[in-house]
Protein backbone atom coordinates (compact mmCIF):
# COMPACT_ATOMS: atom_id res chain seq x y z
CA MET A 1 0.04 -0.30 -0.44
CA GLN A 2 1.49 3.29 -0.91
CA ASP A 3 1.39 6.37 1.63
CA ILE A 4 -1.09 8.59 2.23
CA TYR A 5 -0.45 12.11 2.96
CA ILE A 6 -2.72 14.82 4.01
CA ILE A 7 -2.10 18.56 2.74
CA HIS A 8 -2.91 20.98 5.32
CA GLU A 9 -2.66 24.14 6.95
CA ASN A 10 -5.08 23.67 10.17
CA GLU A 11 -4.92 20.86 12.54
CA GLU A 12 -8.10 21.22 14.48
CA TRP A 13 -10.13 20.45 10.99
CA LEU A 14 -7.51 16.95 10.67
CA ILE A 15 -8.88 15.71 13.80
CA PRO A 16 -11.97 13.86 12.19
CA LEU A 17 -10.40 12.71 9.64
CA LYS A 18 -7.03 11.90 11.53
CA LYS A 19 -9.46 8.69 13.91
CA ALA A 20 -10.98 7.80 10.58
CA PHE A 21 -7.77 6.69 8.94
CA SER A 22 -6.52 5.40 13.15
CA ASP A 23 -9.87 3.34 13.32
CA ARG A 24 -8.55 1.04 10.30
CA ASN A 25 -5.44 1.59 11.33
CA ILE A 26 -3.95 3.70 8.47
CA ASP A 27 -1.19 6.33 9.83
CA ALA A 28 -1.88 9.22 7.16
CA LYS A 29 1.41 11.33 6.90
CA GLU A 30 1.43 15.18 6.83
CA TRP A 31 1.75 17.71 5.07
CA PHE A 32 1.87 21.08 6.78
CA LEU A 33 2.12 23.87 4.63
CA ASN A 34 1.92 27.39 5.52
CA GLU A 35 5.72 28.23 4.82
CA GLY A 36 8.37 26.02 2.61
CA GLN A 37 9.53 25.68 -0.70
CA VAL A 38 9.12 23.62 -4.01
CA ASP A 39 11.99 21.67 -5.41
CA LEU A 40 11.05 21.72 -9.41
CA ASN A 41 13.84 19.17 -10.40
CA ALA A 42 13.61 17.03 -6.85
CA GLU A 43 11.51 13.86 -7.17
CA PRO A 44 8.44 13.57 -5.09
CA PRO A 45 7.81 11.11 -2.75
CA ALA A 46 5.26 7.64 -3.97
CA GLY A 47 1.93 7.67 -2.40
CA VAL A 48 -1.17 9.26 -2.52
CA PHE A 49 -1.87 13.04 -1.64
CA TYR A 50 -5.36 14.83 -0.63
CA ASN A 51 -5.15 18.54 -0.50
CA ARG A 52 -7.39 20.34 2.04
CA MET A 53 -5.78 23.79 2.10
CA SER A 54 -8.55 26.36 2.43
CA ALA A 55 -9.44 29.93 1.64
CA SER A 56 -9.80 30.63 5.14
CA SER A 57 -6.18 29.96 6.05
CA HIS A 58 -5.19 33.87 6.31
CA THR A 59 -7.57 33.49 9.22
CA ARG A 60 -5.14 31.21 10.75
CA GLY A 61 -1.70 33.58 10.53
CA ASN A 62 -1.52 31.49 7.33
CA ARG A 63 -1.29 33.80 4.57
CA PHE A 64 0.32 32.21 1.70
CA ALA A 65 -0.59 29.14 2.25
CA PRO A 66 -2.88 28.28 -0.89
CA GLU A 67 -0.06 29.99 -3.00
CA LEU A 68 2.66 27.36 -1.38
CA THR A 69 -0.01 24.53 -1.93
CA ARG A 70 -0.78 25.74 -5.53
CA ALA A 71 2.92 25.28 -6.20
CA THR A 72 3.55 21.61 -4.27
CA ILE A 73 0.20 19.85 -5.82
CA ASN A 74 2.30 21.36 -9.72
CA TRP A 75 4.98 19.93 -8.79
CA LEU A 76 2.99 16.91 -7.37
CA GLU A 77 1.18 16.83 -11.12
CA LEU A 78 3.99 16.86 -12.77
CA HIS A 79 5.40 13.77 -11.86
CA ASN A 80 1.91 12.05 -11.61
CA ARG A 81 1.39 11.58 -8.49
CA LYS A 82 -2.46 10.97 -7.68
CA VAL A 83 -3.56 14.68 -5.84
CA PHE A 84 -7.87 14.34 -4.64
CA ASN A 85 -8.99 17.50 -4.92
CA GLY A 86 -5.97 18.73 -7.49
CA SER A 87 -4.29 22.02 -9.51
CA ARG A 88 -8.33 23.13 -10.28
CA ALA A 89 -9.47 22.47 -6.61
CA ILE A 90 -6.99 25.23 -5.13
CA TYR A 91 -7.71 27.58 -7.69
CA TYR A 92 -11.65 27.51 -7.13
CA GLU A 93 -11.10 27.16 -3.70
CA VAL A 94 -9.10 31.13 -3.53
CA ASP A 95 -11.16 32.74 -6.72
CA LYS A 96 -15.25 32.46 -5.68
CA PHE A 97 -16.18 34.39 -9.62
CA SER A 98 -13.87 31.73 -10.86
CA GLN A 99 -16.50 29.64 -9.29
CA TYR A 100 -19.23 30.91 -11.09
CA CYS A 101 -18.30 31.36 -14.34
CA ALA A 102 -17.54 27.32 -13.91
CA LEU A 103 -21.06 26.67 -12.43
CA GLN A 104 -22.91 28.89 -16.19
CA GLN A 105 -20.41 26.80 -17.88
CA ASN A 106 -21.99 23.89 -17.06
CA GLY A 107 -25.50 25.41 -16.78
CA ILE A 108 -25.55 25.29 -13.41
CA LEU A 109 -28.15 28.82 -12.08
CA THR A 110 -25.72 30.90 -9.65
CA PRO A 111 -26.99 34.66 -8.56
CA LYS A 112 -26.33 38.02 -10.34
CA THR A 113 -22.71 38.91 -9.53
CA VAL A 114 -19.93 41.53 -10.32
CA ALA A 115 -16.51 41.73 -9.75
CA VAL A 116 -15.01 45.16 -8.58
CA ILE A 117 -11.56 46.36 -7.16
CA GLY A 118 -11.49 49.56 -5.85
CA LYS A 119 -13.58 51.71 -3.05
CA SER A 120 -14.83 54.24 -6.22
CA PRO A 121 -15.69 51.46 -9.19
CA LEU A 122 -17.06 49.22 -5.82
CA VAL A 123 -19.47 52.41 -5.38
CA ALA A 124 -19.76 53.12 -9.12
CA ALA A 125 -20.81 49.13 -9.80
CA ALA A 126 -23.44 48.91 -6.86
CA LYS A 127 -25.01 51.76 -8.48
CA GLU A 128 -25.39 50.11 -11.64
CA PHE A 129 -26.58 47.07 -9.90
CA ALA A 130 -29.59 49.09 -9.54
CA GLN A 131 -31.12 45.90 -7.10
CA LEU A 132 -30.91 46.74 -3.22
CA PRO A 133 -30.57 45.30 -1.15
CA PHE A 134 -27.24 43.32 -2.07
CA ILE A 135 -24.20 41.09 -0.62
CA ILE A 136 -20.44 42.12 -1.28
CA LYS A 137 -18.08 39.88 -0.01
CA PRO A 138 -14.48 39.32 -0.86
CA ASN A 139 -13.80 37.07 -3.83
CA ARG A 140 -11.08 35.17 -1.77
CA GLY A 141 -12.47 34.41 1.90
CA GLY A 142 -14.20 31.34 3.51
CA LYS A 143 -16.12 30.71 6.26
CA GLY A 144 -18.18 33.40 5.19
CA LEU A 145 -16.00 36.24 6.34
CA GLY A 146 -16.46 39.27 5.25
CA VAL A 147 -19.96 38.64 3.82
CA LYS A 148 -22.03 41.97 4.32
CA LEU A 149 -26.18 42.78 3.13
CA ILE A 150 -26.59 46.18 2.46
CA ARG A 151 -29.57 47.51 2.07
CA SER A 152 -28.66 51.04 0.60
CA ILE A 153 -25.97 53.11 -1.30
CA ALA A 154 -25.56 55.38 1.96
CA GLU A 155 -24.66 51.96 3.83
CA LEU A 156 -22.17 50.69 1.45
CA GLU A 157 -20.43 54.65 1.27
CA ASN A 158 -20.27 54.44 5.50
CA PHE A 159 -19.32 51.01 5.19
CA LEU A 160 -15.88 51.71 2.82
CA SER A 161 -14.90 54.64 4.91
CA SER A 162 -15.16 52.79 8.35
CA SER A 163 -12.78 51.60 10.58
CA GLU A 164 -14.68 48.24 10.02
CA TYR A 165 -13.17 48.44 6.82
CA GLU A 166 -10.59 45.37 5.34
CA GLU A 167 -9.81 45.53 1.82
CA PRO A 168 -10.04 41.33 0.63
CA LEU A 169 -6.85 39.48 0.27
CA ASP A 170 -6.84 39.93 -3.70
CA GLY A 171 -8.35 43.14 -3.55
CA THR A 172 -11.72 42.07 -5.17
CA TRP A 173 -14.71 42.68 -3.98
CA LEU A 174 -18.03 40.65 -5.24
CA ILE A 175 -21.12 42.74 -5.31
CA GLN A 176 -24.39 39.66 -5.37
CA GLU A 177 -27.82 39.58 -5.95
CA TYR A 178 -29.80 39.02 -2.22
CA ILE A 179 -31.57 35.80 -2.76
CA GLN A 180 -35.17 36.53 -1.02
CA SER A 181 -36.01 32.80 0.27
CA GLU A 182 -39.02 31.98 2.26
CA GLN A 183 -36.78 29.84 4.66
CA SER A 184 -34.08 31.26 7.30
CA TYR A 185 -31.38 29.29 5.78
CA ILE A 186 -29.12 27.49 3.02
CA THR A 187 -28.55 23.86 1.61
CA ARG A 188 -25.20 21.64 1.57
CA ALA A 189 -24.54 19.08 -0.75
CA GLU A 190 -21.71 17.15 0.24
CA PHE A 191 -19.63 15.04 -2.59
CA VAL A 192 -16.72 12.46 -1.80
CA GLY A 193 -15.43 10.69 -4.90
CA GLY A 194 -17.26 13.26 -7.40
CA LYS A 195 -20.36 11.19 -5.72
CA PHE A 196 -22.96 13.25 -4.05
CA LEU A 197 -22.86 11.54 -0.60
CA TYR A 198 -25.84 14.44 1.31
CA THR A 199 -27.38 17.51 2.02
CA VAL A 200 -27.14 19.37 5.06
CA LYS A 201 -29.74 22.60 6.08
CA VAL A 202 -27.39 25.59 7.28
CA ASN A 203 -29.21 27.66 9.52
CA THR A 204 -28.52 31.75 8.36
CA GLU A 205 -30.40 33.77 10.95
CA SER A 206 -27.37 33.94 13.25
CA GLY A 207 -25.22 35.91 9.91
CA PHE A 208 -22.94 33.48 7.17
CA GLU A 209 -20.17 32.59 8.88
CA LEU A 210 -21.13 29.00 7.97
CA CYS A 211 -18.18 26.92 8.74
CA PRO A 212 -19.85 23.25 9.44
CA ALA A 213 -16.55 21.76 11.94
CA ASP A 214 -17.32 21.44 14.99
CA VAL A 215 -14.32 23.46 16.24
CA CYS A 216 -16.07 26.33 14.05
CA ASP A 217 -20.28 25.23 14.94
CA ILE A 218 -21.44 27.83 18.03
CA SER A 219 -23.05 25.07 20.86
CA ASP A 220 -26.45 24.73 21.92
CA ALA A 221 -25.70 25.76 26.01
CA PHE A 222 -24.09 29.69 24.70
CA CYS A 223 -26.74 29.91 22.50
CA PRO A 224 -28.06 33.63 23.49
CA THR A 225 -31.71 32.60 22.45
CA THR A 226 -34.62 30.33 24.56
CA LYS A 227 -35.14 28.35 20.86
CA GLN A 228 -32.22 25.83 21.34
CA THR A 229 -32.10 24.36 18.08
CA SER A 230 -29.04 22.83 16.15
CA LYS A 231 -27.45 25.11 13.20
CA PHE A 232 -27.13 22.09 10.79
CA GLU A 233 -29.37 19.32 10.21
CA ILE A 234 -28.95 16.41 7.33
CA ILE A 235 -32.03 16.64 5.43
CA HIS A 236 -33.61 14.51 2.10
CA HIS A 237 -35.07 17.49 0.51
CA TYR A 238 -32.92 17.55 -2.81
CA ASP A 239 -31.67 14.22 -2.68
CA ALA A 240 -33.89 13.19 -5.73
CA HIS A 241 -33.31 16.98 -7.61
CA PRO A 242 -32.12 16.98 -10.57
CA LEU A 243 -29.92 19.63 -9.44
CA ILE A 244 -27.63 17.01 -7.08
CA ALA A 245 -26.57 15.17 -10.78
CA GLN A 246 -26.09 18.75 -12.73
CA LEU A 247 -23.84 19.22 -10.05
CA GLU A 248 -21.69 15.86 -10.12
CA LEU A 249 -21.62 16.27 -13.84
CA PHE A 250 -19.39 20.17 -12.94
CA LEU A 251 -17.33 18.63 -10.54
CA GLU A 252 -16.40 15.45 -13.19
CA ASN A 253 -15.62 18.08 -15.28
CA THR A 254 -13.83 20.21 -13.36
CA LYS A 255 -11.65 17.47 -12.02
CA ILE A 256 -12.85 18.25 -7.61
CA ASP A 257 -13.23 15.04 -6.44
CA ILE A 258 -14.33 16.44 -2.56
CA ALA A 259 -16.62 19.47 -2.13
CA GLY A 260 -19.54 21.07 -0.26
CA ILE A 261 -21.35 23.12 -2.83
CA GLU A 262 -23.95 25.80 -0.97
CA PHE A 263 -27.00 26.61 -2.67
CA ILE A 264 -30.43 28.27 -2.34
CA GLU A 265 -33.96 28.02 -3.11
CA ASN A 266 -35.63 31.49 -4.12
CA GLN A 267 -39.40 32.95 -4.41
CA GLN A 268 -39.71 31.78 -7.58
CA GLY A 269 -38.66 28.10 -6.04
CA GLU A 270 -35.45 28.18 -8.41
CA LEU A 271 -32.23 27.15 -6.91
CA LEU A 272 -28.69 29.01 -7.19
CA VAL A 273 -25.38 28.27 -6.41
CA TYR A 274 -23.23 29.92 -4.74
CA ASP A 275 -20.65 29.04 -3.14
CA ILE A 276 -18.09 25.40 -4.04
CA ASN A 277 -15.97 24.45 -0.62
CA THR A 278 -13.20 22.57 -2.03
CA ASN A 279 -11.91 22.28 1.82
CA THR A 280 -14.92 21.09 3.16
CA ASN A 281 -16.08 20.20 6.63
CA TYR A 282 -18.55 18.20 8.52
CA ASN A 283 -20.84 18.77 11.66
CA SER A 284 -20.20 15.56 13.57
CA ALA A 285 -23.52 15.79 15.94
CA ALA A 286 -25.97 16.31 13.07
CA GLU A 287 -24.26 12.71 11.10
CA LYS A 288 -24.85 11.32 14.81
CA LYS A 289 -28.74 12.78 14.83
CA ALA A 290 -29.45 11.51 10.67
CA LYS A 291 -28.03 7.97 11.86
CA ARG A 292 -25.54 8.17 9.83
CA ALA A 293 -23.73 4.44 9.52
CA ILE A 294 -20.81 6.44 8.06
CA THR A 295 -19.50 9.62 8.77
CA ALA A 296 -18.28 11.82 5.85
CA MET A 297 -14.42 12.02 6.79
CA GLU A 298 -14.69 7.80 6.71
CA SER A 299 -16.10 7.65 3.40
CA ILE A 300 -12.85 10.04 2.24
CA ALA A 301 -10.87 8.16 4.37
CA GLU A 302 -11.72 4.91 2.59
CA LEU A 303 -11.35 6.52 -0.79
CA LEU A 304 -7.88 7.08 -0.13
CA ILE A 305 -6.95 3.66 0.99
CA SER A 306 -8.23 2.37 -2.29
CA SER A 307 -6.71 4.81 -4.12
CA ALA A 308 -3.52 4.16 -2.18
CA THR A 309 -3.41 0.17 -2.13
C-alpha cells in the first residue's frame, strides 16, 4: 500500500479524519504547508495526496499557504502523483468569481454577480447593480467571513469609510444578488469521490459564517435565545433533485473530487449555487442525529485508502 499524504494548514480540522484513519489502522502522513519551498527538479515521494488547503488560511496566520499549496500540487502533478482535489480545486477554492464562471459554463444557475476592484468602482458598480438589498463579499474569503448585507448605497459608502473596512486579500469585491427565500437557511450538498453523499440544512439566522466543522460550531449551550436549535441538520429534501446530478457532472468536468456546494432556493423555487468549498468540513452532531452508518470523513478515508491500495 502506498503512503497517504494530507496537505493542510489547520490541525483542528484534521482531527476527525485522523481518527477515521486510526480506526482503520492507517497512519496517514501530514504536510503542513504554511511556509517552505518546492524544488521543481526534485522527485516527490510516491503516494496518494489529499489537498485540504482552505481559502480562510489567512485567518489562522497562514496567509500564503494556498500559494505554496498550488506550487506543491503543480509539482506533484508534474510527476504524475495522484492528488485528490488537485490544481483545479485549489484554483477554485481561492477565486469565487471563477467558481461562478465554471458553474455557468456547466449550465448551473448562480446569483447575479459583479467583480470589482477599488472603492470608487465598487460604489459605481453598486449603483449600476440597481437591486437592493445586495450582498458584498471578498472574492477570496472562507467560512462566510467578510460577507455583508447592504441595504442602501449610503450604507455601502459608510462601510467603505469606516474602521470596519478591510481590503479583500486579492483586492476583489463581489457584489451579489441577495436571494429572497421563504426559509432562513441555505443548503449544502456534500460530495466525496465526485459522488453525492448528503445535504445539510444550515440555519442562517445568526449570519453568514457557515463553517460546519465541530471546532467552528457554537454549542446550543451558548445560544443567547431561549429556543435551543442546531445550526446544522442533515435533510433529504433535495436528494432526488436534478441539481444534484448537475453538480456531480460539474465536479467531474472540473476535476474536483471532494466538495461541499452551497445553494439557496429563491421565491420562484429556483436553486442557485453560490459557493463551492473544496476544503469541506462536516458536523459530527448532525451526522450522529441522522444516524449515518458512515461519516463523511470516514468516506474520505476509505476513498484515499482504496486509491492507495
